[in-house]
Structures are given as C-alpha cells and as structure tokens.
C-alpha cells in the first residue's frame, strides 16, 4: 500500500524488485490478504463510494475484481479462512463519538 487516499495494492519479488500495481484505482485500495491457495487477494476499498469501504477479491494478477461484501460501515482488514471458503473482516460505524466494530464474513466468488 502507498499513501492513505490513493493507496494501491502491489505485488513484487521478495527483494522488492519488479513491483506491479494490481489495483490502479484513484480510491483507497488496501489491507490485502492472499487466499490460502495463493490464487486470489482480498482487499478493502472505497472505490464505489468514497464514504463507504467494502471488501473486494481479485485474481492474483489483478484481474476479475469483484465486490464480495456491501456494508454501510467501514469494512477493513479482510482475512481468509484456512480453507479459503470465507473471508472475515471488520466493520466499524461511528456511534456516539466512538466506534462500534463487529467481525463479519463473506463468501468469495468462485
């Protein structure tokens, strides 16, 4: 990830060379998480609505971006289940000057 507003998800060789921007979107794209089989990446983004963050999944090469969770809060920090059948993530909403956060799950696209 680079920056806070126009952040992107990159992949690179272990030494940092050959970095490739997978998301190329003017919104925030971040908190990437590799699927257990290494074929997909879940990430959070506000690309559909700058005020609301959702969870997306893309193929490891950045193709086939699909929204897997539509929330009315700030969905962040996706994590895959060990078998890759579910993606768990946090949703936070502003409540009385603080935040009310819960863990949710979504099924990734097949």
Foldseek 3Di string as FASTA:
>chain_A
DDDDFQDFDWDAPPVRPPIDTQAPARGDWDLWEAALVRFKIKIWTCRPHNQEIFIWMATNNNPDIDTFDDDPFHWGNWYADNVRQKIKTKGWDDDPNRIDIDIDITGHDD
